[in-house]
Amino acid sequence: MVEPKLKEHVINRNWCKGCGICVYFCPKKVLELDAGDKVVAKRPEDCLCCKLCEFRCPDLAIEIITDQESE
């Protein structure tokens, strides 16, 4: 099985309430809250595409797009 490769983090900043759940669950600390308390992907190159942030976000504000999803 081939590991998925990240294409992009889709973050809907209008939906993000800055709760930090995604930041807490990210095993590689890819995500951070910015000065406006909105999530940003600071280190996308470290992303494992585990989608914990996407699954845990209570506001559905994050989507992880991988190369496998476009096939």
N, C-alpha and C. Protein backbone atom coordinates (compact mmCIF):
# COMPACT_ATOMS: atom_id res chain seq x y z
N MET A 1 0.84 -1.19 0.00
CA MET A 1 0.00 0.00 0.00
C MET A 1 0.88 1.24 0.00
N VAL A 2 0.58 2.16 -0.89
CA VAL A 2 1.35 3.39 -1.02
C VAL A 2 0.79 4.44 -0.06
N GLU A 3 1.69 5.10 0.64
CA GLU A 3 1.25 6.16 1.55
C GLU A 3 0.80 7.37 0.74
N PRO A 4 -0.28 8.01 1.18
CA PRO A 4 -0.75 9.19 0.44
C PRO A 4 0.21 10.36 0.59
N LYS A 5 0.27 11.18 -0.43
CA LYS A 5 1.09 12.39 -0.39
C LYS A 5 0.15 13.59 -0.37
N LEU A 6 0.50 14.55 0.44
CA LEU A 6 -0.31 15.75 0.59
C LEU A 6 -0.32 16.58 -0.68
N LYS A 7 -1.52 16.99 -1.08
CA LYS A 7 -1.65 17.98 -2.15
C LYS A 7 -1.88 19.36 -1.54
N GLU A 8 -2.82 19.42 -0.58
CA GLU A 8 -3.03 20.70 0.10
C GLU A 8 -3.90 20.54 1.34
N HIS A 9 -3.75 21.51 2.23
CA HIS A 9 -4.65 21.67 3.37
C HIS A 9 -5.69 22.71 2.95
N VAL A 10 -6.94 22.34 2.96
CA VAL A 10 -8.01 23.30 2.65
C VAL A 10 -8.60 23.71 4.00
N ILE A 11 -8.39 24.97 4.35
CA ILE A 11 -8.85 25.48 5.64
C ILE A 11 -9.85 26.60 5.38
N ASN A 12 -11.06 26.38 5.85
CA ASN A 12 -12.10 27.41 5.72
C ASN A 12 -12.01 28.31 6.95
N ARG A 13 -11.35 29.43 6.79
CA ARG A 13 -11.11 30.34 7.92
C ARG A 13 -12.40 30.97 8.44
N ASN A 14 -13.43 31.01 7.63
CA ASN A 14 -14.72 31.53 8.10
C ASN A 14 -15.40 30.57 9.06
N TRP A 15 -15.14 29.30 8.91
CA TRP A 15 -15.75 28.29 9.77
C TRP A 15 -14.92 28.02 11.01
N CYS A 16 -13.61 28.25 10.94
CA CYS A 16 -12.71 27.97 12.07
C CYS A 16 -13.01 28.92 13.23
N LYS A 17 -13.23 28.33 14.41
CA LYS A 17 -13.48 29.16 15.59
C LYS A 17 -12.26 29.25 16.49
N GLY A 18 -11.15 28.63 16.08
CA GLY A 18 -9.92 28.73 16.84
C GLY A 18 -9.88 27.91 18.11
N CYS A 19 -10.58 26.79 18.13
CA CYS A 19 -10.64 25.97 19.34
C CYS A 19 -9.32 25.25 19.63
N GLY A 20 -8.51 25.00 18.59
CA GLY A 20 -7.21 24.37 18.78
C GLY A 20 -7.23 22.85 18.85
N ILE A 21 -8.37 22.23 18.64
CA ILE A 21 -8.45 20.76 18.68
C ILE A 21 -7.55 20.16 17.61
N CYS A 22 -7.58 20.69 16.43
CA CYS A 22 -6.75 20.17 15.34
C CYS A 22 -5.26 20.31 15.65
N VAL A 23 -4.90 21.43 16.24
CA VAL A 23 -3.50 21.67 16.64
C VAL A 23 -3.07 20.63 17.66
N TYR A 24 -3.92 20.36 18.63
CA TYR A 24 -3.62 19.39 19.68
C TYR A 24 -3.42 17.98 19.14
N PHE A 25 -4.25 17.56 18.20
CA PHE A 25 -4.20 16.20 17.70
C PHE A 25 -3.17 15.97 16.60
N CYS A 26 -2.62 16.99 16.00
CA CYS A 26 -1.65 16.81 14.91
C CYS A 26 -0.36 16.21 15.46
N PRO A 27 -0.01 14.97 15.02
CA PRO A 27 1.16 14.31 15.57
C PRO A 27 2.49 14.96 15.17
N LYS A 28 2.51 15.71 14.09
CA LYS A 28 3.74 16.34 13.62
C LYS A 28 3.78 17.85 13.83
N LYS A 29 2.78 18.38 14.54
CA LYS A 29 2.71 19.82 14.85
C LYS A 29 2.76 20.67 13.57
N VAL A 30 2.03 20.23 12.56
CA VAL A 30 1.95 20.95 11.30
C VAL A 30 1.10 22.22 11.44
N LEU A 31 0.07 22.12 12.28
CA LEU A 31 -0.89 23.20 12.41
C LEU A 31 -0.60 24.09 13.62
N GLU A 32 -0.91 25.38 13.46
CA GLU A 32 -0.79 26.35 14.54
C GLU A 32 -1.95 27.33 14.43
N LEU A 33 -2.23 28.01 15.53
CA LEU A 33 -3.19 29.11 15.50
C LEU A 33 -2.42 30.40 15.25
N ASP A 34 -2.93 31.22 14.34
CA ASP A 34 -2.26 32.49 14.04
C ASP A 34 -2.71 33.58 15.01
N ALA A 35 -2.32 34.80 14.75
CA ALA A 35 -2.64 35.92 15.64
C ALA A 35 -4.15 36.15 15.75
N GLY A 36 -4.91 35.74 14.73
CA GLY A 36 -6.35 35.90 14.76
C GLY A 36 -7.07 34.67 15.29
N ASP A 37 -6.32 33.76 15.92
CA ASP A 37 -6.86 32.51 16.45
C ASP A 37 -7.57 31.67 15.39
N LYS A 38 -6.97 31.62 14.22
CA LYS A 38 -7.45 30.76 13.13
C LYS A 38 -6.31 29.80 12.79
N VAL A 39 -6.68 28.58 12.43
CA VAL A 39 -5.67 27.57 12.15
C VAL A 39 -4.98 27.83 10.80
N VAL A 40 -3.68 27.59 10.78
CA VAL A 40 -2.88 27.65 9.56
C VAL A 40 -1.94 26.46 9.54
N ALA A 41 -1.59 26.00 8.33
CA ALA A 41 -0.64 24.91 8.17
C ALA A 41 0.76 25.53 8.06
N LYS A 42 1.49 25.55 9.17
CA LYS A 42 2.82 26.18 9.21
C LYS A 42 3.90 25.30 8.60
N ARG A 43 3.75 23.98 8.73
CA ARG A 43 4.77 23.05 8.23
C ARG A 43 4.12 21.94 7.40
N PRO A 44 3.50 22.29 6.26
CA PRO A 44 2.80 21.28 5.46
C PRO A 44 3.70 20.16 4.97
N GLU A 45 4.99 20.43 4.83
CA GLU A 45 5.92 19.39 4.36
C GLU A 45 6.07 18.25 5.38
N ASP A 46 5.69 18.48 6.62
CA ASP A 46 5.77 17.45 7.67
C ASP A 46 4.48 16.64 7.81
N CYS A 47 3.44 16.99 7.05
CA CYS A 47 2.13 16.35 7.20
C CYS A 47 2.17 14.87 6.82
N LEU A 48 1.60 14.03 7.68
CA LEU A 48 1.52 12.59 7.45
C LEU A 48 0.25 12.18 6.71
N CYS A 49 -0.65 13.11 6.49
CA CYS A 49 -1.96 12.86 5.87
C CYS A 49 -2.77 11.87 6.70
N CYS A 50 -2.64 11.94 8.01
CA CYS A 50 -3.40 11.05 8.89
C CYS A 50 -4.85 11.51 9.01
N LYS A 51 -5.10 12.76 8.69
CA LYS A 51 -6.43 13.37 8.71
C LYS A 51 -7.05 13.48 10.10
N LEU A 52 -6.25 13.37 11.14
CA LEU A 52 -6.79 13.55 12.49
C LEU A 52 -7.40 14.95 12.66
N CYS A 53 -6.76 15.94 12.06
CA CYS A 53 -7.29 17.30 12.15
C CYS A 53 -8.66 17.39 11.47
N GLU A 54 -8.77 16.78 10.31
CA GLU A 54 -10.03 16.79 9.57
C GLU A 54 -11.14 16.06 10.34
N PHE A 55 -10.81 14.90 10.89
CA PHE A 55 -11.80 14.10 11.61
C PHE A 55 -12.22 14.73 12.93
N ARG A 56 -11.31 15.44 13.59
CA ARG A 56 -11.59 16.00 14.92
C ARG A 56 -12.19 17.40 14.90
N CYS A 57 -12.08 18.10 13.79
CA CYS A 57 -12.59 19.48 13.73
C CYS A 57 -14.11 19.49 13.89
N PRO A 58 -14.60 20.12 14.96
CA PRO A 58 -16.05 20.14 15.19
C PRO A 58 -16.81 21.02 14.20
N ASP A 59 -16.09 21.88 13.49
CA ASP A 59 -16.73 22.80 12.56
C ASP A 59 -16.51 22.44 11.09
N LEU A 60 -15.85 21.28 10.85
CA LEU A 60 -15.58 20.81 9.49
C LEU A 60 -14.82 21.85 8.67
N ALA A 61 -13.91 22.55 9.33
CA ALA A 61 -13.19 23.65 8.69
C ALA A 61 -11.91 23.21 7.98
N ILE A 62 -11.51 21.94 8.14
CA ILE A 62 -10.26 21.46 7.54
C ILE A 62 -10.55 20.27 6.65
N GLU A 63 -9.91 20.28 5.47
CA GLU A 63 -9.95 19.13 4.59
C GLU A 63 -8.53 18.87 4.10
N ILE A 64 -8.10 17.63 4.16
CA ILE A 64 -6.78 17.24 3.67
C ILE A 64 -6.97 16.58 2.31
N ILE A 65 -6.37 17.16 1.29
CA ILE A 65 -6.43 16.63 -0.06
C ILE A 65 -5.12 15.90 -0.35
N THR A 66 -5.23 14.64 -0.76
CA THR A 66 -4.03 13.85 -1.06
C THR A 66 -4.02 13.49 -2.55
N ASP A 67 -2.87 13.00 -2.99
CA ASP A 67 -2.74 12.60 -4.39
C ASP A 67 -3.61 11.38 -4.71
N GLN A 68 -3.91 10.55 -3.74
CA GLN A 68 -4.74 9.36 -3.96
C GLN A 68 -6.19 9.72 -4.23
N GLU A 69 -6.65 10.84 -3.75
CA GLU A 69 -8.05 11.24 -3.93
C GLU A 69 -8.33 11.76 -5.32
N SER A 70 -7.29 12.10 -6.06
CA SER A 70 -7.50 12.65 -7.40
C SER A 70 -7.44 11.57 -8.47
N GLU A 71 -7.18 10.33 -8.06
CA GLU A 71 -7.09 9.24 -9.04
C GLU A 71 -8.44 8.68 -9.38
